[in-house]
Amino acid sequence: VDQQAGFSLGWLPAVSGTNGPLNGYLIDAIYPTTSRVFVGGLFNQAGGASNNNLAALDPASGNSLAWNASADGQVQVLTLSNNTLYVAGSFTRINNTTRNAVAALNGSSGALQPWDANLGGSRVHVGALAITNQTLYIGGYFQSAAGTSRTNLAAYNLVSGVLAPFNVNWQYPYFVSSMSADGTNLFIGGYD
């Protein structure tokens, strides 16, 4: 949709699948850049090519780009920092490698990056990401991060990849479903 005029631009990439609700497809996350539009959700096909729950699409045509990434479960959150695409949701594997609910991908190629948040718990799910001041904040439902007790909120230094001392200990059963940062404050929303 054109933001100024409010009319449809006709950009309609073909998305299909049987992973989503009622054996259909679901788009949960969209992150546009000037050279590609990243999409995440529950789908088998996007932009005319086989894509499992993650895809990079051409911003003009909607066709799938040569970008190779896949998730074995739902992708609900996408955010980009310095050509690293952070993806989050309810998956256990990205590109056939174990990553529990959050992963870092090369924005140009889709290659999995070595960083691993190593989230743990009985039902790990990430519903929110926020980046500010070289820190990645992760919110969702989990009991540990990098082998350290963290309840539903964790933070990582983007330069070193190390778990930050930030420890709010957001208590179960409150699932963190949204976050936003303004450089000074982190705003958190969720539900039980």
C-alpha atoms as a PDB file:
ATOM      1  CA  VAL A   1       0.000   0.000   0.000  1.00  0.00           C
ATOM      2  CA  ASP A   2       1.318   3.418  -0.939  1.00  0.00           C
ATOM      3  CA  GLN A   3       1.689   5.302   2.363  1.00  0.00           C
ATOM      4  CA  GLN A   4       0.973   8.696   0.800  1.00  0.00           C
ATOM      5  CA  ALA A   5      -1.971   7.895  -1.469  1.00  0.00           C
ATOM      6  CA  GLY A   6      -3.330   4.850   0.388  1.00  0.00           C
ATOM      7  CA  PHE A   7      -3.786   2.623  -2.657  1.00  0.00           C
ATOM      8  CA  SER A   8      -2.526  -0.883  -3.352  1.00  0.00           C
ATOM      9  CA  LEU A   9       0.726  -1.130  -5.285  1.00  0.00           C
ATOM     10  CA  GLY A  10      -0.199  -4.571  -6.591  1.00  0.00           C
ATOM     11  CA  TRP A  11       2.668  -6.330  -4.781  1.00  0.00           C
ATOM     12  CA  LEU A  12       1.246  -9.757  -4.109  1.00  0.00           C
ATOM     13  CA  PRO A  13       3.805 -12.551  -3.823  1.00  0.00           C
ATOM     14  CA  ALA A  14       2.435 -16.066  -4.185  1.00  0.00           C
ATOM     15  CA  VAL A  15       2.484 -17.710  -0.738  1.00  0.00           C
ATOM     16  CA  SER A  16       1.024 -21.128  -0.033  1.00  0.00           C
ATOM     17  CA  GLY A  17       1.366 -24.114   2.215  1.00  0.00           C
ATOM     18  CA  THR A  18      -0.189 -26.571   4.584  1.00  0.00           C
ATOM     19  CA  ASN A  19       1.799 -25.604   7.710  1.00  0.00           C
ATOM     20  CA  GLY A  20      -0.601 -22.971   8.986  1.00  0.00           C
ATOM     21  CA  PRO A  21      -4.098 -22.895  10.468  1.00  0.00           C
ATOM     22  CA  LEU A  22      -6.674 -25.107   8.731  1.00  0.00           C
ATOM     23  CA  ASN A  23      -3.925 -26.566   6.514  1.00  0.00           C
ATOM     24  CA  GLY A  24      -3.322 -23.156   4.990  1.00  0.00           C
ATOM     25  CA  TYR A  25      -0.535 -20.626   5.287  1.00  0.00           C
ATOM     26  CA  LEU A  26       0.188 -17.761   7.635  1.00  0.00           C
ATOM     27  CA  ILE A  27       2.433 -14.687   7.302  1.00  0.00           C
ATOM     28  CA  ASP A  28       3.391 -13.449  10.789  1.00  0.00           C
ATOM     29  CA  ALA A  29       6.361 -11.180  10.122  1.00  0.00           C
ATOM     30  CA  ILE A  30       7.505  -8.848   7.354  1.00  0.00           C
ATOM     31  CA  TYR A  31      10.764  -6.872   7.345  1.00  0.00           C
ATOM     32  CA  PRO A  32      11.375  -4.767   4.200  1.00  0.00           C
ATOM     33  CA  THR A  33      14.723  -3.400   3.030  1.00  0.00           C
ATOM     34  CA  THR A  34      15.560  -1.631  -0.232  1.00  0.00           C
ATOM     35  CA  SER A  35      16.850  -4.851  -1.841  1.00  0.00           C
ATOM     36  CA  ARG A  36      14.571  -7.545  -0.342  1.00  0.00           C
ATOM     37  CA  VAL A  37      11.497  -8.146   1.758  1.00  0.00           C
ATOM     38  CA  PHE A  38      11.958 -10.815   4.429  1.00  0.00           C
ATOM     39  CA  VAL A  39       8.840 -12.772   5.403  1.00  0.00           C
ATOM     40  CA  GLY A  40       8.276 -15.318   8.134  1.00  0.00           C
ATOM     41  CA  GLY A  41       5.343 -17.447   9.231  1.00  0.00           C
ATOM     42  CA  LEU A  42       3.990 -20.892   8.446  1.00  0.00           C
ATOM     43  CA  PHE A  43       4.260 -21.710   4.723  1.00  0.00           C
ATOM     44  CA  ASN A  44       5.888 -24.078   2.224  1.00  0.00           C
ATOM     45  CA  GLN A  45       6.046 -21.796  -0.804  1.00  0.00           C
ATOM     46  CA  ALA A  46       6.720 -18.071  -1.187  1.00  0.00           C
ATOM     47  CA  GLY A  47       7.417 -16.002  -4.257  1.00  0.00           C
ATOM     48  CA  GLY A  48       7.101 -18.981  -6.586  1.00  0.00           C
ATOM     49  CA  ALA A  49       9.722 -21.160  -4.863  1.00  0.00           C
ATOM     50  CA  SER A  50       9.933 -23.698  -2.086  1.00  0.00           C
ATOM     51  CA  ASN A  51      10.549 -21.856   1.193  1.00  0.00           C
ATOM     52  CA  ASN A  52       9.900 -23.315   4.638  1.00  0.00           C
ATOM     53  CA  ASN A  53       8.572 -20.594   6.933  1.00  0.00           C
ATOM     54  CA  LEU A  54      11.257 -18.043   5.894  1.00  0.00           C
ATOM     55  CA  ALA A  55      11.810 -16.254   2.594  1.00  0.00           C
ATOM     56  CA  ALA A  56      13.447 -13.228   0.989  1.00  0.00           C
ATOM     57  CA  LEU A  57      11.356 -11.689  -1.782  1.00  0.00           C
ATOM     58  CA  ASP A  58      12.069  -9.121  -4.465  1.00  0.00           C
ATOM     59  CA  PRO A  59      10.462  -5.817  -3.386  1.00  0.00           C
ATOM     60  CA  ALA A  60       9.290  -5.041  -6.938  1.00  0.00           C
ATOM     61  CA  SER A  61       8.098  -8.414  -8.276  1.00  0.00           C
ATOM     62  CA  GLY A  62       7.444 -10.467  -5.122  1.00  0.00           C
ATOM     63  CA  ASN A  63       9.492 -13.322  -6.568  1.00  0.00           C
ATOM     64  CA  SER A  64      11.672 -15.425  -4.283  1.00  0.00           C
ATOM     65  CA  LEU A  65      15.316 -14.369  -4.228  1.00  0.00           C
ATOM     66  CA  ALA A  66      18.367 -16.636  -4.054  1.00  0.00           C
ATOM     67  CA  TRP A  67      18.446 -16.646  -0.276  1.00  0.00           C
ATOM     68  CA  ASN A  68      18.674 -19.958   1.480  1.00  0.00           C
ATOM     69  CA  ALA A  69      17.121 -20.203   4.927  1.00  0.00           C
ATOM     70  CA  SER A  70      14.440 -22.430   6.415  1.00  0.00           C
ATOM     71  CA  ALA A  71      12.809 -23.049   9.791  1.00  0.00           C
ATOM     72  CA  ASP A  72      11.143 -26.210  11.081  1.00  0.00           C
ATOM     73  CA  GLY A  73       8.419 -24.208  12.856  1.00  0.00           C
ATOM     74  CA  GLN A  74       6.637 -20.884  12.939  1.00  0.00           C
ATOM     75  CA  VAL A  75       8.635 -17.666  12.450  1.00  0.00           C
ATOM     76  CA  GLN A  76       6.836 -14.757  14.116  1.00  0.00           C
ATOM     77  CA  VAL A  77       9.435 -12.006  14.535  1.00  0.00           C
ATOM     78  CA  LEU A  78      12.089 -10.548  12.218  1.00  0.00           C
ATOM     79  CA  THR A  79      14.526  -7.712  12.855  1.00  0.00           C
ATOM     80  CA  LEU A  80      17.716  -6.661  11.079  1.00  0.00           C
ATOM     81  CA  SER A  81      20.959  -5.175  12.396  1.00  0.00           C
ATOM     82  CA  ASN A  82      24.082  -4.655  10.236  1.00  0.00           C
ATOM     83  CA  ASN A  83      23.070  -7.319   7.671  1.00  0.00           C
ATOM     84  CA  THR A  84      22.261  -9.851  10.401  1.00  0.00           C
ATOM     85  CA  LEU A  85      18.629 -10.934  10.326  1.00  0.00           C
ATOM     86  CA  TYR A  86      17.385 -12.101  13.720  1.00  0.00           C
ATOM     87  CA  VAL A  87      14.450 -14.509  13.446  1.00  0.00           C
ATOM     88  CA  ALA A  88      12.286 -15.744  16.309  1.00  0.00           C
ATOM     89  CA  GLY A  89       9.219 -17.862  16.928  1.00  0.00           C
ATOM     90  CA  SER A  90       8.474 -21.457  17.841  1.00  0.00           C
ATOM     91  CA  PHE A  91      11.058 -23.466  15.925  1.00  0.00           C
ATOM     92  CA  THR A  92      13.866 -25.772  17.045  1.00  0.00           C
ATOM     93  CA  ARG A  93      15.950 -25.874  13.868  1.00  0.00           C
ATOM     94  CA  ILE A  94      17.121 -23.280  11.359  1.00  0.00           C
ATOM     95  CA  ASN A  95      18.866 -24.497   8.209  1.00  0.00           C
ATOM     96  CA  ASN A  96      18.863 -28.016   9.760  1.00  0.00           C
ATOM     97  CA  THR A  97      20.876 -26.819  12.775  1.00  0.00           C
ATOM     98  CA  THR A  98      19.525 -26.629  16.323  1.00  0.00           C
ATOM     99  CA  ARG A  99      18.452 -23.129  17.333  1.00  0.00           C
ATOM    100  CA  ASN A 100      15.766 -22.943  19.981  1.00  0.00           C
ATOM    101  CA  ALA A 101      13.251 -20.217  19.020  1.00  0.00           C
ATOM    102  CA  VAL A 102      15.773 -17.525  17.983  1.00  0.00           C
ATOM    103  CA  ALA A 103      18.579 -17.428  15.421  1.00  0.00           C
ATOM    104  CA  ALA A 104      20.856 -15.065  13.513  1.00  0.00           C
ATOM    105  CA  LEU A 105      21.131 -15.298   9.726  1.00  0.00           C
ATOM    106  CA  ASN A 106      23.278 -13.534   7.177  1.00  0.00           C
ATOM    107  CA  GLY A 107      20.904 -11.052   5.565  1.00  0.00           C
ATOM    108  CA  SER A 108      22.473 -11.459   2.120  1.00  0.00           C
ATOM    109  CA  SER A 109      22.771 -15.256   1.897  1.00  0.00           C
ATOM    110  CA  GLY A 110      20.525 -16.723   4.601  1.00  0.00           C
ATOM    111  CA  ALA A 111      23.485 -18.596   6.091  1.00  0.00           C
ATOM    112  CA  LEU A 112      23.125 -19.401   9.773  1.00  0.00           C
ATOM    113  CA  GLN A 113      25.490 -17.374  11.968  1.00  0.00           C
ATOM    114  CA  PRO A 114      27.420 -19.061  14.808  1.00  0.00           C
ATOM    115  CA  TRP A 115      25.673 -17.070  17.586  1.00  0.00           C
ATOM    116  CA  ASP A 116      23.229 -19.159  19.650  1.00  0.00           C
ATOM    117  CA  ALA A 117      21.035 -17.697  22.410  1.00  0.00           C
ATOM    118  CA  ASN A 118      20.764 -21.224  23.847  1.00  0.00           C
ATOM    119  CA  LEU A 119      17.293 -20.651  25.301  1.00  0.00           C
ATOM    120  CA  GLY A 120      15.965 -23.399  27.552  1.00  0.00           C
ATOM    121  CA  GLY A 121      12.777 -24.464  29.270  1.00  0.00           C
ATOM    122  CA  SER A 122       9.803 -26.745  28.922  1.00  0.00           C
ATOM    123  CA  ARG A 123       8.157 -24.825  26.039  1.00  0.00           C
ATOM    124  CA  VAL A 124      10.524 -22.327  24.500  1.00  0.00           C
ATOM    125  CA  HIS A 125       8.871 -19.691  22.325  1.00  0.00           C
ATOM    126  CA  VAL A 126      10.032 -16.175  21.411  1.00  0.00           C
ATOM    127  CA  GLY A 127       7.390 -13.563  20.622  1.00  0.00           C
ATOM    128  CA  ALA A 128       9.387 -10.321  20.623  1.00  0.00           C
ATOM    129  CA  LEU A 129      12.788  -8.877  19.717  1.00  0.00           C
ATOM    130  CA  ALA A 130      14.115  -5.345  20.168  1.00  0.00           C
ATOM    131  CA  ILE A 131      17.512  -3.864  19.330  1.00  0.00           C
ATOM    132  CA  THR A 132      18.981  -0.734  20.893  1.00  0.00           C
ATOM    133  CA  ASN A 133      22.445   0.437  21.957  1.00  0.00           C
ATOM    134  CA  GLN A 134      24.202  -2.691  20.578  1.00  0.00           C
ATOM    135  CA  THR A 135      21.899  -4.947  22.632  1.00  0.00           C
ATOM    136  CA  LEU A 136      19.415  -7.541  21.391  1.00  0.00           C
ATOM    137  CA  TYR A 137      16.489  -8.030  23.782  1.00  0.00           C
ATOM    138  CA  ILE A 138      14.574 -11.306  23.549  1.00  0.00           C
ATOM    139  CA  GLY A 139      11.121 -11.824  25.027  1.00  0.00           C
ATOM    140  CA  GLY A 140       8.836 -14.805  25.086  1.00  0.00           C
ATOM    141  CA  TYR A 141       8.463 -17.897  27.204  1.00  0.00           C
ATOM    142  CA  PHE A 142      11.656 -19.563  28.478  1.00  0.00           C
ATOM    143  CA  GLN A 143      13.457 -20.275  31.732  1.00  0.00           C
ATOM    144  CA  SER A 144      17.114 -19.892  30.769  1.00  0.00           C
ATOM    145  CA  ALA A 145      19.430 -18.189  28.302  1.00  0.00           C
ATOM    146  CA  ALA A 146      23.029 -19.257  27.647  1.00  0.00           C
ATOM    147  CA  GLY A 147      22.742 -21.711  30.556  1.00  0.00           C
ATOM    148  CA  THR A 148      21.856 -18.905  32.987  1.00  0.00           C
ATOM    149  CA  SER A 149      18.499 -18.416  34.695  1.00  0.00           C
ATOM    150  CA  ARG A 150      16.411 -15.892  32.746  1.00  0.00           C
ATOM    151  CA  THR A 151      12.620 -15.940  32.911  1.00  0.00           C
ATOM    152  CA  ASN A 152      10.974 -14.813  29.660  1.00  0.00           C
ATOM    153  CA  LEU A 153      13.388 -11.891  29.045  1.00  0.00           C
ATOM    154  CA  ALA A 154      17.057 -11.911  28.094  1.00  0.00           C
ATOM    155  CA  ALA A 155      19.553  -9.525  26.518  1.00  0.00           C
ATOM    156  CA  TYR A 156      22.672 -10.159  24.445  1.00  0.00           C
ATOM    157  CA  ASN A 157      25.526  -7.863  23.504  1.00  0.00           C
ATOM    158  CA  LEU A 158      25.430  -7.616  19.692  1.00  0.00           C
ATOM    159  CA  VAL A 159      29.191  -7.107  19.408  1.00  0.00           C
ATOM    160  CA  SER A 160      30.366 -10.017  21.580  1.00  0.00           C
ATOM    161  CA  GLY A 161      27.235 -12.207  21.413  1.00  0.00           C
ATOM    162  CA  VAL A 162      27.487 -12.709  25.173  1.00  0.00           C
ATOM    163  CA  LEU A 163      24.490 -12.749  27.523  1.00  0.00           C
ATOM    164  CA  ALA A 164      24.150  -9.308  29.143  1.00  0.00           C
ATOM    165  CA  PRO A 165      23.679  -8.820  32.909  1.00  0.00           C
ATOM    166  CA  PHE A 166      20.129  -7.504  32.250  1.00  0.00           C
ATOM    167  CA  ASN A 167      17.827  -9.704  34.377  1.00  0.00           C
ATOM    168  CA  VAL A 168      14.251  -8.525  34.904  1.00  0.00           C
ATOM    169  CA  ASN A 169      12.997 -12.029  35.760  1.00  0.00           C
ATOM    170  CA  TRP A 170       9.590 -11.545  34.137  1.00  0.00           C
ATOM    171  CA  GLN A 171       7.639 -14.245  35.954  1.00  0.00           C
ATOM    172  CA  TYR A 172       5.713 -17.147  34.505  1.00  0.00           C
ATOM    173  CA  PRO A 173       3.023 -17.403  33.242  1.00  0.00           C
ATOM    174  CA  TYR A 174       3.441 -14.028  31.563  1.00  0.00           C
ATOM    175  CA  PHE A 175       4.472 -14.457  27.945  1.00  0.00           C
ATOM    176  CA  VAL A 176       6.340 -11.486  26.447  1.00  0.00           C
ATOM    177  CA  SER A 177       4.642 -10.833  23.112  1.00  0.00           C
ATOM    178  CA  SER A 178       5.853  -7.336  22.232  1.00  0.00           C
ATOM    179  CA  MET A 179       8.773  -5.019  22.962  1.00  0.00           C
ATOM    180  CA  SER A 180      10.026  -1.683  21.774  1.00  0.00           C
ATOM    181  CA  ALA A 181      13.092   0.296  22.796  1.00  0.00           C
ATOM    182  CA  ASP A 182      13.736   4.025  22.531  1.00  0.00           C
ATOM    183  CA  GLY A 183      17.444   4.064  23.439  1.00  0.00           C
ATOM    184  CA  THR A 184      16.747   4.647  27.138  1.00  0.00           C
ATOM    185  CA  ASN A 185      13.739   2.499  28.017  1.00  0.00           C
ATOM    186  CA  LEU A 186      12.494  -0.940  27.031  1.00  0.00           C
ATOM    187  CA  PHE A 187       8.709  -1.188  26.769  1.00  0.00           C
ATOM    188  CA  ILE A 188       7.321  -4.694  27.292  1.00  0.00           C
ATOM    189  CA  GLY A 189       3.891  -6.158  26.619  1.00  0.00           C
ATOM    190  CA  GLY A 190       2.530  -9.622  27.164  1.00  0.00           C
ATOM    191  CA  TYR A 191      -0.195 -11.823  28.530  1.00  0.00           C
ATOM    192  CA  ASP A 192      -0.785 -14.824  30.756  1.00  0.00           C
END
